[in-house]
Amino acid sequence: MKRKPSTEATAAWIRLMRVQSRVLDAVEHDLKKAGFPPLAWYDALFELSRAPRGELRPVELERQMLIPQYSTSRLIERLVDEGLAVRRECAVDKRGQFVEITEAGRELQKRMWGAYAAAIERHVGSKLADGDAVKLCALLDRLGCSCEETSPSAKDAAPAR
């Protein structure tokens, strides 16, 4: 028989799931209150903005996003409808498509960062000393998450995470 998780590991799992849900809900609420679209829009625009030439295949975009996006095609369609992204045919593979961020998409992503950064500070940063945040990243790294991949200071002037 395979080993069952300890009571402590199970309690950690439950807390991890609950805090992730609560913090995401709080961040979404703050963005909505500030008059911005959902966090998934920011996430997609951020990934497009940091991609070479500002474009990704839809499957690459879905893989890169911080937030699980079960209907990426619907999200892409909304971004295109709002003029925040465009679809382009792949020159090499005529059946393939790219999604490319527009200047309007870049501007929205930069404007959203102010509200998003404030929400991160309110719901995470204000509750953890920097040393505690480093320790939390190390613990999460052991679970297969890499804080290095999402370090805001290393990405660009309008970081996402």
Protein backbone atom coordinates (compact mmCIF):
# COMPACT_ATOMS: atom_id res chain seq x y z
CA MET A 1 0.00 0.00 0.00
CA LYS A 2 1.25 3.49 -0.81
CA ARG A 3 2.02 5.92 1.98
CA LYS A 4 -0.82 8.28 2.92
CA PRO A 5 -0.14 11.96 3.58
CA SER A 6 0.45 12.93 7.19
CA THR A 7 -2.10 15.01 9.04
CA GLU A 8 0.34 17.93 8.79
CA ALA A 9 0.77 17.54 5.02
CA THR A 10 -3.01 17.35 4.58
CA ALA A 11 -3.47 20.48 6.71
CA ALA A 12 -0.82 22.28 4.62
CA TRP A 13 -2.62 21.25 1.42
CA ILE A 14 -5.97 22.55 2.70
CA ARG A 15 -4.44 25.86 3.77
CA LEU A 16 -2.61 26.25 0.45
CA MET A 17 -5.82 25.74 -1.52
CA ARG A 18 -7.87 28.03 0.71
CA VAL A 19 -5.36 30.87 0.75
CA GLN A 20 -4.85 30.68 -3.01
CA SER A 21 -8.58 30.94 -3.60
CA ARG A 22 -9.10 33.75 -1.08
CA VAL A 23 -6.16 35.85 -2.25
CA LEU A 24 -7.12 35.47 -5.93
CA ASP A 25 -10.71 36.45 -5.10
CA ALA A 26 -9.47 39.50 -3.17
CA VAL A 27 -7.16 40.57 -6.01
CA GLU A 28 -9.98 40.12 -8.56
CA HIS A 29 -12.25 42.24 -6.34
CA ASP A 30 -9.64 45.01 -6.11
CA LEU A 31 -9.16 45.05 -9.89
CA LYS A 32 -12.92 45.20 -10.47
CA LYS A 33 -13.29 47.98 -7.89
CA ALA A 34 -10.57 49.95 -9.74
CA GLY A 35 -12.56 49.56 -12.98
CA PHE A 36 -10.32 46.98 -14.64
CA PRO A 37 -11.12 43.70 -16.38
CA PRO A 38 -10.37 40.33 -14.74
CA LEU A 39 -6.87 39.25 -13.72
CA ALA A 40 -6.78 36.73 -16.59
CA TRP A 41 -6.74 39.66 -19.01
CA TYR A 42 -3.71 41.15 -17.26
CA ASP A 43 -2.02 37.77 -17.16
CA ALA A 44 -2.51 37.18 -20.89
CA LEU A 45 -1.42 40.71 -21.82
CA PHE A 46 1.65 40.45 -19.59
CA GLU A 47 2.72 37.15 -21.18
CA LEU A 48 2.20 38.57 -24.67
CA SER A 49 4.11 41.75 -23.79
CA ARG A 50 7.18 39.85 -22.65
CA ALA A 51 7.17 37.37 -25.54
CA PRO A 52 9.54 37.90 -28.49
CA ARG A 53 7.83 40.29 -30.91
CA GLY A 54 4.85 40.43 -28.51
CA GLU A 55 3.27 37.28 -29.90
CA LEU A 56 2.60 33.69 -28.88
CA ARG A 57 0.66 30.75 -30.24
CA PRO A 58 -2.56 30.28 -28.24
CA VAL A 59 -1.27 27.02 -26.74
CA GLU A 60 1.95 28.78 -25.65
CA LEU A 61 -0.06 31.59 -24.07
CA GLU A 62 -2.16 29.11 -22.12
CA ARG A 63 0.98 27.33 -20.89
CA GLN A 64 2.63 30.59 -19.78
CA MET A 65 -0.30 32.06 -17.90
CA LEU A 66 -0.19 32.31 -14.13
CA ILE A 67 -3.88 31.64 -13.75
CA PRO A 68 -5.37 28.44 -15.15
CA GLN A 69 -7.43 29.43 -18.15
CA TYR A 70 -9.85 26.74 -19.21
CA SER A 71 -11.26 28.79 -22.04
CA THR A 72 -8.21 30.50 -23.47
CA SER A 73 -9.83 30.79 -26.89
CA ARG A 74 -12.72 32.76 -25.37
CA LEU A 75 -10.27 35.01 -23.50
CA ILE A 76 -8.28 35.61 -26.70
CA GLU A 77 -11.50 36.45 -28.54
CA ARG A 78 -12.40 39.04 -25.88
CA LEU A 79 -8.93 40.60 -26.09
CA VAL A 80 -9.20 40.76 -29.89
CA ASP A 81 -12.74 42.22 -29.72
CA GLU A 82 -11.47 44.95 -27.37
CA GLY A 83 -8.52 45.77 -29.65
CA LEU A 84 -5.99 44.60 -27.07
CA ALA A 85 -4.62 41.80 -29.25
CA VAL A 86 -4.80 40.62 -32.84
CA ARG A 87 -4.75 37.18 -34.40
CA ARG A 88 -2.21 36.59 -37.15
CA GLU A 89 -1.64 33.66 -39.44
CA CYS A 90 1.68 31.88 -39.01
CA ALA A 91 3.84 32.50 -42.10
CA VAL A 92 5.43 29.05 -41.87
CA ASP A 93 2.41 26.98 -40.93
CA LYS A 94 -0.66 28.46 -42.62
CA ARG A 95 -2.93 26.51 -40.26
CA GLY A 96 -1.25 27.95 -37.17
CA GLN A 97 -2.05 31.27 -35.58
CA PHE A 98 -0.32 33.76 -33.35
CA VAL A 99 -1.87 36.16 -30.89
CA GLU A 100 -0.07 39.50 -30.80
CA ILE A 101 -0.49 42.27 -28.26
CA THR A 102 -1.47 45.69 -29.61
CA GLU A 103 -0.33 49.06 -28.33
CA ALA A 104 -3.72 49.40 -26.59
CA GLY A 105 -3.07 46.04 -24.91
CA ARG A 106 0.34 47.20 -23.71
CA GLU A 107 -1.19 50.38 -22.31
CA LEU A 108 -3.96 48.53 -20.46
CA GLN A 109 -1.48 46.05 -19.00
CA LYS A 110 0.66 48.93 -17.70
CA ARG A 111 -2.35 50.76 -16.22
CA MET A 112 -3.64 47.57 -14.58
CA TRP A 113 -0.26 46.98 -12.92
CA GLY A 114 -0.84 49.86 -10.50
CA ALA A 115 -4.02 48.28 -9.12
CA TYR A 116 -2.56 44.78 -9.29
CA ALA A 117 0.63 45.83 -7.44
CA ALA A 118 -1.46 47.52 -4.74
CA ALA A 119 -3.56 44.35 -4.38
CA ILE A 120 -0.46 42.15 -4.09
CA GLU A 121 0.89 44.46 -1.39
CA ARG A 122 -2.45 44.60 0.43
CA HIS A 123 -3.15 40.87 0.42
CA VAL A 124 0.39 39.40 0.54
CA GLY A 125 3.19 41.93 1.01
CA SER A 126 1.67 43.64 4.04
CA LYS A 127 1.26 40.29 5.76
CA LEU A 128 4.77 38.93 5.16
CA ALA A 129 8.15 40.40 5.95
CA ASP A 130 10.52 40.13 2.98
CA GLY A 131 12.43 37.36 4.75
CA ASP A 132 9.19 35.42 5.26
CA ALA A 133 8.35 35.86 1.58
CA VAL A 134 11.75 34.41 0.65
CA LYS A 135 11.12 31.44 2.95
CA LEU A 136 7.65 30.92 1.47
CA CYS A 137 9.12 30.95 -2.05
CA ALA A 138 11.68 28.34 -0.98
CA LEU A 139 8.93 26.12 0.44
CA LEU A 140 6.81 26.50 -2.68
CA ASP A 141 9.85 25.76 -4.84
CA ARG A 142 10.06 22.40 -3.10
CA LEU A 143 6.50 21.72 -4.29
CA GLY A 144 7.47 22.42 -7.89
CA CYS A 145 6.77 26.15 -8.14
CA SER A 146 9.60 28.46 -9.09
CA CYS A 147 9.49 31.99 -7.74
CA GLU A 148 12.46 32.82 -9.96
CA GLU A 149 10.33 32.43 -13.10
CA THR A 150 7.94 35.11 -11.92
CA SER A 151 10.23 37.60 -10.19
CA PRO A 152 8.79 41.04 -10.97
CA SER A 153 11.99 43.05 -10.81
CA ALA A 154 13.63 40.84 -13.41
CA LYS A 155 10.88 41.09 -16.02
CA ASP A 156 10.15 44.66 -17.06
CA ALA A 157 9.04 48.10 -15.97
CA ALA A 158 5.45 46.95 -15.43
CA PRO A 159 5.91 43.57 -13.73
CA ALA A 160 3.08 41.13 -13.28
CA ARG A 161 3.90 38.98 -10.34
